[in-house]
Amino acid sequence: MSFHPEKCSILRVHRKRSPTVHDYKLKGHTLETEDCTKYLGLNICTNLSWDTHISKIAKKGNSTLGFLRRNLRISSEETKARAYNALVRPQLEYCSTVWNPYTKTHIRRLEMVQRRAARYVTKRYHNTSSVTSMLEDLGWETLESRRTKAQLTMMYKIVNNLVDIQADSYLTPSNRSTRTSNNRNFTQISTSTSYYKFSFFPQTITEWNKLPSSIVEAPDLVSFKQGLSTVFS
């Protein structure tokens, strides 16, 4: 496979005030330096903030929802809910195990897309209508809850060698035992920055250690997901 030099760029990740800058060339072409670039569908920035990525997917979700409102003008709540679940929500959750936000601003920005979708599906736009009751009637859990479940599901896959990620390289079994801990808890990773603290492993270990042993020791993935449903109901 040959890389196209004009489709490649440089992304420098650092915390230095005066970083060492060096030009890189590919096939005689000097690669451009970018502050934020798209990689496998994720917008990765030099400061490792997900603000740009979350802003873009929220905008894309609202755009798709607007498309549905203009073109799917029907009374069937079921059909409109299926359209949202098939076309909008996947845009808001793609690779969320990687970028799961921790700030209230980011969390609210994404939840607002779903809340607008609830108004569209139920056709209740009056400002006195309770969106929370709409979500309950539709049976939609928060996107935040869904992202946490997705992270824990990925964790289960890693622990049980269901994906090609070596658990031993990232997870250390904990020797400490408490009444609230499960039998397969892990040592919390020490962090010095918020970006690292709320990245996948440090953040997910915290949630994983809260789960009861009956869930983390589930014999298969289906049983594990069923157990999560009882915790995040």
C-alpha atoms as a PDB file:
ATOM      1  CA  MET A   1       0.000   0.000   0.000  1.00  0.00           C
ATOM      2  CA  SER A   2       1.346   3.388  -0.989  1.00  0.00           C
ATOM      3  CA  PHE A   3       0.495   6.489   1.059  1.00  0.00           C
ATOM      4  CA  HIS A   4      -0.598   9.657  -0.722  1.00  0.00           C
ATOM      5  CA  PRO A   5       1.648  12.426   0.687  1.00  0.00           C
ATOM      6  CA  GLU A   6      -0.965  15.153   0.236  1.00  0.00           C
ATOM      7  CA  LYS A   7      -3.437  13.160   2.337  1.00  0.00           C
ATOM      8  CA  CYS A   8      -1.004  12.766   5.225  1.00  0.00           C
ATOM      9  CA  SER A   9      -0.192  15.319   7.913  1.00  0.00           C
ATOM     10  CA  ILE A  10       1.687  15.795  11.190  1.00  0.00           C
ATOM     11  CA  LEU A  11      -0.004  16.015  14.585  1.00  0.00           C
ATOM     12  CA  ARG A  12       2.250  16.973  17.479  1.00  0.00           C
ATOM     13  CA  VAL A  13       1.039  15.960  20.935  1.00  0.00           C
ATOM     14  CA  HIS A  14       3.012  17.698  23.674  1.00  0.00           C
ATOM     15  CA  ARG A  15       2.796  19.905  26.760  1.00  0.00           C
ATOM     16  CA  LYS A  16       5.887  21.980  26.086  1.00  0.00           C
ATOM     17  CA  ARG A  17       5.738  25.732  25.627  1.00  0.00           C
ATOM     18  CA  SER A  18       8.547  25.549  23.082  1.00  0.00           C
ATOM     19  CA  PRO A  19       8.336  22.168  21.355  1.00  0.00           C
ATOM     20  CA  THR A  20      11.023  20.891  19.030  1.00  0.00           C
ATOM     21  CA  VAL A  21       9.755  21.418  15.493  1.00  0.00           C
ATOM     22  CA  HIS A  22      11.038  19.345  12.610  1.00  0.00           C
ATOM     23  CA  ASP A  23       9.766  19.022   9.062  1.00  0.00           C
ATOM     24  CA  TYR A  24       8.847  15.567   7.819  1.00  0.00           C
ATOM     25  CA  LYS A  25       8.764  14.594   4.182  1.00  0.00           C
ATOM     26  CA  LEU A  26       7.043  11.791   2.337  1.00  0.00           C
ATOM     27  CA  LYS A  27       8.013  11.146  -1.278  1.00  0.00           C
ATOM     28  CA  GLY A  28       9.620  14.582  -1.433  1.00  0.00           C
ATOM     29  CA  HIS A  29       6.485  16.315  -0.141  1.00  0.00           C
ATOM     30  CA  THR A  30       6.744  18.281   3.115  1.00  0.00           C
ATOM     31  CA  LEU A  31       3.871  17.200   5.340  1.00  0.00           C
ATOM     32  CA  GLU A  32       1.634  19.902   6.782  1.00  0.00           C
ATOM     33  CA  THR A  33       1.251  20.317  10.520  1.00  0.00           C
ATOM     34  CA  GLU A  34      -2.291  20.328  11.885  1.00  0.00           C
ATOM     35  CA  ASP A  35      -3.779  21.137  15.284  1.00  0.00           C
ATOM     36  CA  CYS A  36      -6.623  18.684  14.768  1.00  0.00           C
ATOM     37  CA  THR A  37      -7.006  15.835  12.313  1.00  0.00           C
ATOM     38  CA  LYS A  38      -9.468  13.062  11.580  1.00  0.00           C
ATOM     39  CA  TYR A  39      -8.304   9.495  12.129  1.00  0.00           C
ATOM     40  CA  LEU A  40     -10.628   6.501  11.745  1.00  0.00           C
ATOM     41  CA  GLY A  41     -13.630   8.752  12.225  1.00  0.00           C
ATOM     42  CA  LEU A  42     -12.281  10.501  15.337  1.00  0.00           C
ATOM     43  CA  ASN A  43     -11.162  14.131  15.461  1.00  0.00           C
ATOM     44  CA  ILE A  44      -7.899  14.050  17.415  1.00  0.00           C
ATOM     45  CA  CYS A  45      -6.308  17.326  18.540  1.00  0.00           C
ATOM     46  CA  THR A  46      -2.862  18.221  19.780  1.00  0.00           C
ATOM     47  CA  ASN A  47      -4.096  18.992  23.286  1.00  0.00           C
ATOM     48  CA  LEU A  48      -5.956  15.640  23.437  1.00  0.00           C
ATOM     49  CA  SER A  49      -9.241  17.464  24.079  1.00  0.00           C
ATOM     50  CA  TRP A  50     -12.403  15.965  22.581  1.00  0.00           C
ATOM     51  CA  ASP A  51     -14.148  19.332  22.342  1.00  0.00           C
ATOM     52  CA  THR A  52     -13.773  19.527  18.557  1.00  0.00           C
ATOM     53  CA  HIS A  53     -14.911  15.950  18.041  1.00  0.00           C
ATOM     54  CA  ILE A  54     -17.970  16.287  20.290  1.00  0.00           C
ATOM     55  CA  SER A  55     -18.944  19.598  18.690  1.00  0.00           C
ATOM     56  CA  LYS A  56     -18.791  18.050  15.232  1.00  0.00           C
ATOM     57  CA  ILE A  57     -20.769  14.914  16.029  1.00  0.00           C
ATOM     58  CA  ALA A  58     -23.404  16.944  17.909  1.00  0.00           C
ATOM     59  CA  LYS A  59     -23.719  19.217  14.886  1.00  0.00           C
ATOM     60  CA  LYS A  60     -23.930  16.209  12.582  1.00  0.00           C
ATOM     61  CA  GLY A  61     -26.559  14.572  14.792  1.00  0.00           C
ATOM     62  CA  ASN A  62     -28.675  17.730  14.817  1.00  0.00           C
ATOM     63  CA  SER A  63     -28.315  17.999  11.050  1.00  0.00           C
ATOM     64  CA  THR A  64     -29.516  14.435  10.508  1.00  0.00           C
ATOM     65  CA  LEU A  65     -32.366  14.973  12.950  1.00  0.00           C
ATOM     66  CA  GLY A  66     -33.353  18.083  10.997  1.00  0.00           C
ATOM     67  CA  PHE A  67     -33.363  16.002   7.834  1.00  0.00           C
ATOM     68  CA  LEU A  68     -35.771  13.536   9.457  1.00  0.00           C
ATOM     69  CA  ARG A  69     -38.072  16.330  10.634  1.00  0.00           C
ATOM     70  CA  ARG A  70     -38.260  17.765   7.123  1.00  0.00           C
ATOM     71  CA  ASN A  71     -38.696  14.501   5.255  1.00  0.00           C
ATOM     72  CA  LEU A  72     -40.325  12.026   7.667  1.00  0.00           C
ATOM     73  CA  ARG A  73     -43.530  13.844   8.519  1.00  0.00           C
ATOM     74  CA  ILE A  74     -45.616  10.986   9.827  1.00  0.00           C
ATOM     75  CA  SER A  75     -47.602  10.374  12.992  1.00  0.00           C
ATOM     76  CA  SER A  76     -46.136   6.964  13.846  1.00  0.00           C
ATOM     77  CA  GLU A  77     -43.925   7.342  16.922  1.00  0.00           C
ATOM     78  CA  GLU A  78     -42.510   3.860  16.404  1.00  0.00           C
ATOM     79  CA  THR A  79     -41.289   4.620  12.882  1.00  0.00           C
ATOM     80  CA  LYS A  80     -39.768   7.949  13.881  1.00  0.00           C
ATOM     81  CA  ALA A  81     -38.079   6.351  16.902  1.00  0.00           C
ATOM     82  CA  ARG A  82     -36.592   3.665  14.669  1.00  0.00           C
ATOM     83  CA  ALA A  83     -35.327   6.338  12.290  1.00  0.00           C
ATOM     84  CA  TYR A  84     -33.618   8.152  15.178  1.00  0.00           C
ATOM     85  CA  ASN A  85     -32.088   4.928  16.522  1.00  0.00           C
ATOM     86  CA  ALA A  86     -30.843   3.942  13.061  1.00  0.00           C
ATOM     87  CA  LEU A  87     -29.605   7.256  11.675  1.00  0.00           C
ATOM     88  CA  VAL A  88     -28.911   9.732  14.478  1.00  0.00           C
ATOM     89  CA  ARG A  89     -27.867   7.868  17.618  1.00  0.00           C
ATOM     90  CA  PRO A  90     -25.073   5.856  15.908  1.00  0.00           C
ATOM     91  CA  GLN A  91     -23.478   9.176  14.934  1.00  0.00           C
ATOM     92  CA  LEU A  92     -23.492  10.223  18.585  1.00  0.00           C
ATOM     93  CA  GLU A  93     -22.028   6.947  19.842  1.00  0.00           C
ATOM     94  CA  TYR A  94     -19.438   5.903  17.275  1.00  0.00           C
ATOM     95  CA  CYS A  95     -16.264   4.877  19.152  1.00  0.00           C
ATOM     96  CA  SER A  96     -17.628   6.459  22.345  1.00  0.00           C
ATOM     97  CA  THR A  97     -15.476   4.126  24.439  1.00  0.00           C
ATOM     98  CA  VAL A  98     -12.528   6.248  23.307  1.00  0.00           C
ATOM     99  CA  TRP A  99     -13.901   9.761  23.764  1.00  0.00           C
ATOM    100  CA  ASN A 100     -16.566   9.345  26.470  1.00  0.00           C
ATOM    101  CA  PRO A 101     -16.842  12.907  27.884  1.00  0.00           C
ATOM    102  CA  TYR A 102     -16.597  13.814  31.541  1.00  0.00           C
ATOM    103  CA  THR A 103     -17.442  17.530  31.540  1.00  0.00           C
ATOM    104  CA  LYS A 104     -21.042  18.640  32.080  1.00  0.00           C
ATOM    105  CA  THR A 105     -20.846  20.857  28.997  1.00  0.00           C
ATOM    106  CA  HIS A 106     -19.961  17.997  26.661  1.00  0.00           C
ATOM    107  CA  ILE A 107     -22.425  15.601  28.264  1.00  0.00           C
ATOM    108  CA  ARG A 108     -25.261  18.111  27.986  1.00  0.00           C
ATOM    109  CA  ARG A 109     -24.386  18.974  24.389  1.00  0.00           C
ATOM    110  CA  LEU A 110     -24.946  15.367  23.344  1.00  0.00           C
ATOM    111  CA  GLU A 111     -28.003  14.812  25.527  1.00  0.00           C
ATOM    112  CA  MET A 112     -29.668  17.838  23.951  1.00  0.00           C
ATOM    113  CA  VAL A 113     -29.640  16.094  20.573  1.00  0.00           C
ATOM    114  CA  GLN A 114     -31.571  13.158  22.017  1.00  0.00           C
ATOM    115  CA  ARG A 115     -33.947  15.474  23.848  1.00  0.00           C
ATOM    116  CA  ARG A 116     -34.735  17.237  20.570  1.00  0.00           C
ATOM    117  CA  ALA A 117     -35.292  13.812  19.017  1.00  0.00           C
ATOM    118  CA  ALA A 118     -37.764  12.961  21.783  1.00  0.00           C
ATOM    119  CA  ARG A 119     -39.799  16.064  20.967  1.00  0.00           C
ATOM    120  CA  TYR A 120     -39.754  15.138  17.288  1.00  0.00           C
ATOM    121  CA  VAL A 121     -40.851  11.548  17.895  1.00  0.00           C
ATOM    122  CA  THR A 122     -43.633  12.452  20.333  1.00  0.00           C
ATOM    123  CA  LYS A 123     -44.549  15.629  18.421  1.00  0.00           C
ATOM    124  CA  ARG A 124     -44.633  17.640  21.638  1.00  0.00           C
ATOM    125  CA  TYR A 125     -42.899  20.994  21.082  1.00  0.00           C
ATOM    126  CA  HIS A 126     -44.592  23.128  23.710  1.00  0.00           C
ATOM    127  CA  ASN A 127     -42.119  24.639  26.153  1.00  0.00           C
ATOM    128  CA  THR A 128     -44.135  23.361  29.116  1.00  0.00           C
ATOM    129  CA  SER A 129     -43.901  19.738  27.973  1.00  0.00           C
ATOM    130  CA  SER A 130     -41.579  17.577  30.062  1.00  0.00           C
ATOM    131  CA  VAL A 131     -38.847  16.058  27.926  1.00  0.00           C
ATOM    132  CA  THR A 132     -37.894  13.780  30.823  1.00  0.00           C
ATOM    133  CA  SER A 133     -41.341  12.195  30.741  1.00  0.00           C
ATOM    134  CA  MET A 134     -41.070  11.832  26.967  1.00  0.00           C
ATOM    135  CA  LEU A 135     -37.797   9.936  27.348  1.00  0.00           C
ATOM    136  CA  GLU A 136     -39.358   7.690  29.977  1.00  0.00           C
ATOM    137  CA  ASP A 137     -42.376   6.979  27.779  1.00  0.00           C
ATOM    138  CA  LEU A 138     -40.099   6.131  24.865  1.00  0.00           C
ATOM    139  CA  GLY A 139     -37.905   3.937  27.057  1.00  0.00           C
ATOM    140  CA  TRP A 140     -34.741   5.833  26.080  1.00  0.00           C
ATOM    141  CA  GLU A 141     -31.939   5.820  28.610  1.00  0.00           C
ATOM    142  CA  THR A 142     -29.472   8.685  28.662  1.00  0.00           C
ATOM    143  CA  LEU A 143     -26.595   8.653  26.209  1.00  0.00           C
ATOM    144  CA  GLU A 144     -24.254   9.005  29.179  1.00  0.00           C
ATOM    145  CA  SER A 145     -25.551   5.731  30.632  1.00  0.00           C
ATOM    146  CA  ARG A 146     -25.258   3.995  27.266  1.00  0.00           C
ATOM    147  CA  ARG A 147     -21.638   5.140  26.912  1.00  0.00           C
ATOM    148  CA  THR A 148     -20.755   3.811  30.372  1.00  0.00           C
ATOM    149  CA  LYS A 149     -22.297   0.448  29.507  1.00  0.00           C
ATOM    150  CA  ALA A 150     -20.358   0.406  26.235  1.00  0.00           C
ATOM    151  CA  GLN A 151     -17.100   1.026  28.112  1.00  0.00           C
ATOM    152  CA  LEU A 152     -17.822  -1.737  30.616  1.00  0.00           C
ATOM    153  CA  THR A 153     -18.731  -4.112  27.788  1.00  0.00           C
ATOM    154  CA  MET A 154     -15.403  -3.388  26.115  1.00  0.00           C
ATOM    155  CA  MET A 155     -13.676  -3.958  29.449  1.00  0.00           C
ATOM    156  CA  TYR A 156     -15.354  -7.362  29.751  1.00  0.00           C
ATOM    157  CA  LYS A 157     -14.121  -8.247  26.259  1.00  0.00           C
ATOM    158  CA  ILE A 158     -10.559  -7.220  27.163  1.00  0.00           C
ATOM    159  CA  VAL A 159     -10.546  -9.116  30.456  1.00  0.00           C
ATOM    160  CA  ASN A 160     -11.879 -12.257  28.799  1.00  0.00           C
ATOM    161  CA  ASN A 161      -9.635 -12.064  25.690  1.00  0.00           C
ATOM    162  CA  LEU A 162     -12.525 -11.450  23.302  1.00  0.00           C
ATOM    163  CA  VAL A 163     -10.612  -8.651  21.552  1.00  0.00           C
ATOM    164  CA  ASP A 164      -6.981  -8.338  20.523  1.00  0.00           C
ATOM    165  CA  ILE A 165      -5.916  -6.128  23.449  1.00  0.00           C
ATOM    166  CA  GLN A 166      -3.512  -7.583  25.989  1.00  0.00           C
ATOM    167  CA  ALA A 167      -5.123  -7.083  29.398  1.00  0.00           C
ATOM    168  CA  ASP A 168      -1.833  -7.702  31.232  1.00  0.00           C
ATOM    169  CA  SER A 169      -0.333  -4.626  29.591  1.00  0.00           C
ATOM    170  CA  TYR A 170      -2.926  -2.301  31.101  1.00  0.00           C
ATOM    171  CA  LEU A 171      -4.633  -4.025  34.031  1.00  0.00           C
ATOM    172  CA  THR A 172      -3.191  -5.077  37.395  1.00  0.00           C
ATOM    173  CA  PRO A 173      -5.355  -7.227  39.702  1.00  0.00           C
ATOM    174  CA  SER A 174      -5.955  -5.492  43.014  1.00  0.00           C
ATOM    175  CA  ASN A 175      -4.894  -7.103  46.295  1.00  0.00           C
ATOM    176  CA  ARG A 176      -7.282  -4.939  48.276  1.00  0.00           C
ATOM    177  CA  SER A 177     -10.702  -6.305  49.115  1.00  0.00           C
ATOM    178  CA  THR A 178     -13.706  -4.475  50.512  1.00  0.00           C
ATOM    179  CA  ARG A 179     -17.322  -5.344  51.095  1.00  0.00           C
ATOM    180  CA  THR A 180     -18.347  -3.416  48.000  1.00  0.00           C
ATOM    181  CA  SER A 181     -15.626  -4.666  45.640  1.00  0.00           C
ATOM    182  CA  ASN A 182     -15.951  -7.634  43.314  1.00  0.00           C
ATOM    183  CA  ASN A 183     -13.603 -10.593  43.030  1.00  0.00           C
ATOM    184  CA  ARG A 184     -12.041  -9.337  39.782  1.00  0.00           C
ATOM    185  CA  ASN A 185     -11.278  -5.716  40.555  1.00  0.00           C
ATOM    186  CA  PHE A 186      -8.168  -3.920  39.326  1.00  0.00           C
ATOM    187  CA  THR A 187      -5.740  -1.387  40.731  1.00  0.00           C
ATOM    188  CA  GLN A 188      -6.633   2.160  39.814  1.00  0.00           C
ATOM    189  CA  ILE A 189      -4.129   3.764  37.446  1.00  0.00           C
ATOM    190  CA  SER A 190      -2.320   6.812  38.804  1.00  0.00           C
ATOM    191  CA  THR A 191      -2.854   9.907  36.647  1.00  0.00           C
ATOM    192  CA  SER A 192      -1.588  13.489  36.655  1.00  0.00           C
ATOM    193  CA  THR A 193      -3.904  15.084  34.072  1.00  0.00           C
ATOM    194  CA  SER A 194      -7.674  15.097  33.614  1.00  0.00           C
ATOM    195  CA  TYR A 195      -7.349  13.945  30.008  1.00  0.00           C
ATOM    196  CA  TYR A 196      -5.575  10.782  31.161  1.00  0.00           C
ATOM    197  CA  LYS A 197      -7.728  10.318  34.258  1.00  0.00           C
ATOM    198  CA  PHE A 198     -10.881  10.196  32.159  1.00  0.00           C
ATOM    199  CA  SER A 199      -9.431   8.160  29.313  1.00  0.00           C
ATOM    200  CA  PHE A 200     -10.609   4.585  28.765  1.00  0.00           C
ATOM    201  CA  PHE A 201      -8.656   2.460  31.236  1.00  0.00           C
ATOM    202  CA  PRO A 202      -8.490   4.815  34.265  1.00  0.00           C
ATOM    203  CA  GLN A 203     -12.137   5.781  33.870  1.00  0.00           C
ATOM    204  CA  THR A 204     -13.458   2.287  33.166  1.00  0.00           C
ATOM    205  CA  ILE A 205     -11.523   0.619  35.985  1.00  0.00           C
ATOM    206  CA  THR A 206     -13.354   2.887  38.428  1.00  0.00           C
ATOM    207  CA  GLU A 207     -16.745   1.814  37.076  1.00  0.00           C
ATOM    208  CA  TRP A 208     -15.697  -1.834  36.746  1.00  0.00           C
ATOM    209  CA  ASN A 209     -14.661  -2.089  40.386  1.00  0.00           C
ATOM    210  CA  LYS A 210     -18.137  -0.923  41.431  1.00  0.00           C
ATOM    211  CA  LEU A 211     -19.859  -3.855  39.723  1.00  0.00           C
ATOM    212  CA  PRO A 212     -20.907  -6.884  41.800  1.00  0.00           C
ATOM    213  CA  SER A 213     -19.056 -10.171  41.335  1.00  0.00           C
ATOM    214  CA  SER A 214     -22.133 -11.783  39.796  1.00  0.00           C
ATOM    215  CA  ILE A 215     -21.796  -9.453  36.811  1.00  0.00           C
ATOM    216  CA  VAL A 216     -18.025  -9.310  36.242  1.00  0.00           C
ATOM    217  CA  GLU A 217     -17.866 -13.112  36.505  1.00  0.00           C
ATOM    218  CA  ALA A 218     -20.634 -13.613  33.946  1.00  0.00           C
ATOM    219  CA  PRO A 219     -19.943 -16.734  31.805  1.00  0.00           C
ATOM    220  CA  ASP A 220     -20.546 -14.965  28.495  1.00  0.00           C
ATOM    221  CA  LEU A 221     -21.039 -11.545  26.943  1.00  0.00           C
ATOM    222  CA  VAL A 222     -24.834 -11.869  26.701  1.00  0.00           C
ATOM    223  CA  SER A 223     -25.109 -12.613  30.424  1.00  0.00           C
ATOM    224  CA  PHE A 224     -22.800  -9.696  31.203  1.00  0.00           C
ATOM    225  CA  LYS A 225     -24.942  -7.262  29.208  1.00  0.00           C
ATOM    226  CA  GLN A 226     -28.058  -8.552  30.917  1.00  0.00           C
ATOM    227  CA  GLY A 227     -26.400  -7.967  34.278  1.00  0.00           C
ATOM    228  CA  LEU A 228     -25.483  -4.397  33.281  1.00  0.00           C
ATOM    229  CA  SER A 229     -29.121  -3.743  32.413  1.00  0.00           C
ATOM    230  CA  THR A 230     -30.081  -4.451  36.012  1.00  0.00           C
ATOM    231  CA  VAL A 231     -27.483  -1.976  37.302  1.00  0.00           C
ATOM    232  CA  PHE A 232     -28.212   0.790  34.768  1.00  0.00           C
ATOM    233  CA  SER A 233     -31.986   0.439  34.704  1.00  0.00           C
END
